[in-house]
Amino acid sequence: MKVTNVKIKKVDGDKFDRLRAYVDVTLDDCLVIHGLKLMQGEQGLFVAMPSRKMRNEEFKDIVHPICPELRNDITKVVQEKYFALDQEQEAAV
């Protein structure tokens, strides 16, 4: 599977200062996954999969890639698009 489209909605002023953007990803022009989050972690940006809070107060992913290659591809494409948006906004100012 390949990432064929990415939509990013940047977030300013997150109360925990970790959330950078909400992301929707399209795979093979056939499947859209809404609700991914681009987060700032201790080792840089990472993509958090959509999750739901369970009765025991833990969060469980609703959708997640099984193979690490797909996870890496999603992360790479999302980060590239996010940084491209940053550059576009800086150029516009």
N, C-alpha and C. Protein backbone atom coordinates (compact mmCIF):
# COMPACT_ATOMS: atom_id res chain seq x y z
N MET A 1 0.84 -1.19 0.00
CA MET A 1 0.00 0.00 0.00
C MET A 1 0.88 1.24 0.00
N LYS A 2 0.38 2.26 -0.67
CA LYS A 2 1.11 3.52 -0.74
C LYS A 2 0.21 4.66 -0.30
N VAL A 3 0.81 5.65 0.33
CA VAL A 3 0.09 6.86 0.70
C VAL A 3 -0.07 7.69 -0.56
N THR A 4 -1.34 7.97 -0.93
CA THR A 4 -1.59 8.71 -2.16
C THR A 4 -2.10 10.13 -1.90
N ASN A 5 -2.52 10.43 -0.68
CA ASN A 5 -2.96 11.78 -0.36
C ASN A 5 -2.84 12.00 1.15
N VAL A 6 -2.49 13.23 1.51
CA VAL A 6 -2.39 13.60 2.93
C VAL A 6 -3.04 14.97 3.11
N LYS A 7 -3.92 15.09 4.08
CA LYS A 7 -4.51 16.38 4.44
C LYS A 7 -4.10 16.68 5.88
N ILE A 8 -3.57 17.88 6.08
CA ILE A 8 -3.07 18.27 7.39
C ILE A 8 -3.77 19.52 7.86
N LYS A 9 -4.22 19.50 9.12
CA LYS A 9 -4.78 20.70 9.76
C LYS A 9 -3.89 21.01 10.95
N LYS A 10 -3.07 22.06 10.80
CA LYS A 10 -2.13 22.42 11.86
C LYS A 10 -2.88 22.93 13.09
N VAL A 11 -2.29 22.67 14.26
CA VAL A 11 -2.88 23.09 15.52
C VAL A 11 -1.92 24.05 16.20
N ASP A 12 -2.45 25.20 16.59
CA ASP A 12 -1.65 26.17 17.34
C ASP A 12 -2.18 26.24 18.77
N GLY A 13 -1.28 26.34 19.72
CA GLY A 13 -1.68 26.53 21.11
C GLY A 13 -2.23 25.31 21.80
N ASP A 14 -1.72 24.14 21.48
CA ASP A 14 -2.13 22.91 22.18
C ASP A 14 -1.78 23.05 23.65
N LYS A 15 -2.71 22.70 24.55
CA LYS A 15 -2.48 22.90 25.97
C LYS A 15 -1.32 22.06 26.50
N PHE A 16 -1.01 20.95 25.86
CA PHE A 16 0.12 20.13 26.30
C PHE A 16 1.37 20.41 25.48
N ASP A 17 1.22 21.26 24.44
CA ASP A 17 2.32 21.66 23.57
C ASP A 17 2.97 20.47 22.87
N ARG A 18 2.21 19.42 22.61
CA ARG A 18 2.75 18.24 21.92
C ARG A 18 2.08 18.01 20.57
N LEU A 19 0.77 18.30 20.50
CA LEU A 19 0.02 18.07 19.27
C LEU A 19 0.39 19.14 18.25
N ARG A 20 0.83 18.71 17.06
CA ARG A 20 1.21 19.64 16.01
C ARG A 20 0.16 19.75 14.92
N ALA A 21 -0.55 18.62 14.62
CA ALA A 21 -1.54 18.66 13.55
C ALA A 21 -2.44 17.43 13.60
N TYR A 22 -3.65 17.60 13.04
CA TYR A 22 -4.53 16.48 12.77
C TYR A 22 -4.31 16.10 11.30
N VAL A 23 -4.36 14.80 11.02
CA VAL A 23 -4.00 14.32 9.69
C VAL A 23 -5.03 13.30 9.20
N ASP A 24 -5.36 13.41 7.89
CA ASP A 24 -6.13 12.39 7.20
C ASP A 24 -5.23 11.84 6.10
N VAL A 25 -5.20 10.51 5.96
CA VAL A 25 -4.32 9.85 5.00
C VAL A 25 -5.16 8.97 4.08
N THR A 26 -4.87 9.04 2.78
CA THR A 26 -5.50 8.14 1.80
C THR A 26 -4.47 7.13 1.34
N LEU A 27 -4.86 5.86 1.32
CA LEU A 27 -3.99 4.77 0.88
C LEU A 27 -4.50 4.22 -0.44
N ASP A 28 -3.62 4.14 -1.43
CA ASP A 28 -3.93 3.58 -2.76
C ASP A 28 -5.19 4.18 -3.39
N ASP A 29 -5.50 5.41 -3.09
CA ASP A 29 -6.71 6.07 -3.60
C ASP A 29 -7.97 5.24 -3.33
N CYS A 30 -7.92 4.39 -2.29
CA CYS A 30 -9.05 3.50 -2.00
C CYS A 30 -9.54 3.58 -0.55
N LEU A 31 -8.67 3.94 0.37
CA LEU A 31 -9.02 3.91 1.79
C LEU A 31 -8.53 5.18 2.45
N VAL A 32 -9.45 5.87 3.18
CA VAL A 32 -9.09 7.07 3.91
C VAL A 32 -9.11 6.77 5.40
N ILE A 33 -8.08 7.20 6.10
CA ILE A 33 -8.02 7.07 7.55
C ILE A 33 -8.02 8.48 8.12
N HIS A 34 -9.08 8.80 8.87
CA HIS A 34 -9.21 10.11 9.52
C HIS A 34 -8.71 10.02 10.95
N GLY A 35 -8.28 11.14 11.48
CA GLY A 35 -8.01 11.22 12.92
C GLY A 35 -6.61 10.86 13.36
N LEU A 36 -5.66 10.78 12.45
CA LEU A 36 -4.27 10.60 12.88
C LEU A 36 -3.81 11.90 13.50
N LYS A 37 -2.80 11.83 14.34
CA LYS A 37 -2.26 13.03 14.98
C LYS A 37 -0.75 13.07 14.79
N LEU A 38 -0.26 14.23 14.43
CA LEU A 38 1.19 14.43 14.37
C LEU A 38 1.59 15.02 15.71
N MET A 39 2.42 14.27 16.45
CA MET A 39 2.78 14.63 17.82
C MET A 39 4.27 14.90 17.94
N GLN A 40 4.62 15.78 18.87
CA GLN A 40 6.02 16.03 19.19
C GLN A 40 6.40 15.14 20.37
N GLY A 41 7.35 14.25 20.14
CA GLY A 41 7.83 13.37 21.20
C GLY A 41 9.23 13.75 21.62
N GLU A 42 9.78 13.02 22.54
CA GLU A 42 11.13 13.28 23.02
C GLU A 42 12.17 13.10 21.92
N GLN A 43 11.88 12.21 20.96
CA GLN A 43 12.84 11.92 19.89
C GLN A 43 12.39 12.51 18.55
N GLY A 44 11.51 13.49 18.57
CA GLY A 44 11.06 14.13 17.34
C GLY A 44 9.59 13.88 17.07
N LEU A 45 9.17 14.23 15.86
CA LEU A 45 7.77 14.08 15.47
C LEU A 45 7.43 12.62 15.18
N PHE A 46 6.21 12.24 15.55
CA PHE A 46 5.73 10.90 15.22
C PHE A 46 4.23 10.98 14.93
N VAL A 47 3.72 9.99 14.23
CA VAL A 47 2.30 9.92 13.88
C VAL A 47 1.61 8.96 14.84
N ALA A 48 0.59 9.47 15.53
CA ALA A 48 -0.23 8.64 16.42
C ALA A 48 -1.48 8.22 15.65
N MET A 49 -1.77 6.95 15.70
CA MET A 49 -2.93 6.41 15.00
C MET A 49 -4.21 6.79 15.75
N PRO A 50 -5.35 6.78 15.04
CA PRO A 50 -6.62 7.08 15.71
C PRO A 50 -6.87 6.09 16.84
N SER A 51 -7.36 6.60 17.96
CA SER A 51 -7.57 5.73 19.11
C SER A 51 -8.88 6.09 19.82
N ARG A 52 -9.28 5.18 20.68
CA ARG A 52 -10.51 5.36 21.46
C ARG A 52 -10.19 5.06 22.91
N LYS A 53 -10.79 5.84 23.81
CA LYS A 53 -10.59 5.61 25.24
C LYS A 53 -11.51 4.48 25.69
N MET A 54 -10.91 3.48 26.33
CA MET A 54 -11.66 2.31 26.77
C MET A 54 -12.22 2.54 28.18
N ARG A 55 -13.02 1.62 28.65
CA ARG A 55 -13.62 1.75 29.99
C ARG A 55 -12.60 1.78 31.10
N ASN A 56 -11.46 1.13 30.87
CA ASN A 56 -10.42 1.10 31.91
C ASN A 56 -9.49 2.32 31.81
N GLU A 57 -9.94 3.35 31.05
CA GLU A 57 -9.21 4.61 30.90
C GLU A 57 -7.96 4.50 30.01
N GLU A 58 -7.69 3.35 29.42
CA GLU A 58 -6.57 3.20 28.50
C GLU A 58 -7.04 3.53 27.09
N PHE A 59 -6.10 3.95 26.25
CA PHE A 59 -6.41 4.23 24.85
C PHE A 59 -6.00 3.05 23.99
N LYS A 60 -6.86 2.70 23.03
CA LYS A 60 -6.59 1.58 22.13
C LYS A 60 -6.73 2.09 20.69
N ASP A 61 -5.72 1.76 19.86
CA ASP A 61 -5.76 2.17 18.46
C ASP A 61 -6.96 1.54 17.76
N ILE A 62 -7.64 2.34 16.95
CA ILE A 62 -8.75 1.84 16.15
C ILE A 62 -8.21 1.24 14.86
N VAL A 63 -7.21 1.90 14.29
CA VAL A 63 -6.56 1.47 13.04
C VAL A 63 -5.07 1.57 13.26
N HIS A 64 -4.34 0.58 12.77
CA HIS A 64 -2.88 0.66 12.85
C HIS A 64 -2.28 -0.25 11.79
N PRO A 65 -1.13 0.17 11.23
CA PRO A 65 -0.47 -0.67 10.23
C PRO A 65 0.13 -1.91 10.89
N ILE A 66 0.05 -3.02 10.20
CA ILE A 66 0.63 -4.26 10.72
C ILE A 66 2.11 -4.35 10.37
N CYS A 67 2.47 -3.89 9.18
CA CYS A 67 3.87 -3.98 8.79
C CYS A 67 4.59 -2.65 9.06
N PRO A 68 5.80 -2.73 9.56
CA PRO A 68 6.55 -1.51 9.90
C PRO A 68 6.85 -0.63 8.69
N GLU A 69 6.93 -1.22 7.51
CA GLU A 69 7.20 -0.43 6.30
C GLU A 69 6.09 0.58 6.04
N LEU A 70 4.84 0.16 6.21
CA LEU A 70 3.73 1.07 5.98
C LEU A 70 3.72 2.17 7.03
N ARG A 71 3.97 1.82 8.28
CA ARG A 71 4.03 2.84 9.34
C ARG A 71 5.13 3.86 9.02
N ASN A 72 6.29 3.38 8.59
CA ASN A 72 7.39 4.29 8.25
C ASN A 72 7.02 5.18 7.06
N ASP A 73 6.36 4.60 6.05
CA ASP A 73 5.94 5.38 4.89
C ASP A 73 4.95 6.47 5.29
N ILE A 74 3.96 6.12 6.11
CA ILE A 74 2.98 7.11 6.57
C ILE A 74 3.69 8.23 7.32
N THR A 75 4.56 7.88 8.24
CA THR A 75 5.28 8.88 9.04
C THR A 75 6.11 9.79 8.14
N LYS A 76 6.82 9.21 7.21
CA LYS A 76 7.70 9.98 6.31
C LYS A 76 6.89 10.97 5.48
N VAL A 77 5.82 10.50 4.86
CA VAL A 77 5.01 11.35 3.99
C VAL A 77 4.33 12.47 4.79
N VAL A 78 3.81 12.14 5.97
CA VAL A 78 3.15 13.14 6.81
C VAL A 78 4.15 14.21 7.26
N GLN A 79 5.32 13.80 7.70
CA GLN A 79 6.33 14.76 8.13
C GLN A 79 6.76 15.66 6.97
N GLU A 80 6.97 15.08 5.79
CA GLU A 80 7.36 15.88 4.62
C GLU A 80 6.29 16.92 4.29
N LYS A 81 5.03 16.51 4.31
CA LYS A 81 3.93 17.43 4.01
C LYS A 81 3.84 18.53 5.07
N TYR A 82 4.03 18.16 6.34
CA TYR A 82 3.98 19.13 7.44
C TYR A 82 5.08 20.17 7.28
N PHE A 83 6.30 19.74 7.01
CA PHE A 83 7.41 20.67 6.85
C PHE A 83 7.24 21.52 5.59
N ALA A 84 6.64 20.97 4.53
CA ALA A 84 6.37 21.73 3.32
C ALA A 84 5.35 22.84 3.61
N LEU A 85 4.35 22.56 4.44
CA LEU A 85 3.39 23.58 4.84
C LEU A 85 4.07 24.69 5.61
N ASP A 86 4.98 24.33 6.51
CA ASP A 86 5.75 25.33 7.27
C ASP A 86 6.50 26.25 6.33
N GLN A 87 7.16 25.67 5.33
CA GLN A 87 7.95 26.46 4.39
C GLN A 87 7.05 27.36 3.55
N GLU A 88 5.89 26.86 3.15
CA GLU A 88 4.94 27.67 2.38
C GLU A 88 4.45 28.84 3.20
N GLN A 89 4.16 28.61 4.47
CA GLN A 89 3.65 29.69 5.34
C GLN A 89 4.74 30.73 5.59
N GLU A 90 5.98 30.29 5.76
CA GLU A 90 7.07 31.23 5.96
C GLU A 90 7.31 32.06 4.71
N ALA A 91 7.21 31.45 3.54
CA ALA A 91 7.41 32.17 2.28
C ALA A 91 6.30 33.19 2.04
N ALA A 92 5.10 32.90 2.53
CA ALA A 92 3.98 33.80 2.34
C ALA A 92 4.07 35.04 3.24
N VAL A 93 4.85 34.94 4.31
CA VAL A 93 4.95 36.08 5.25
C VAL A 93 5.95 37.09 4.82
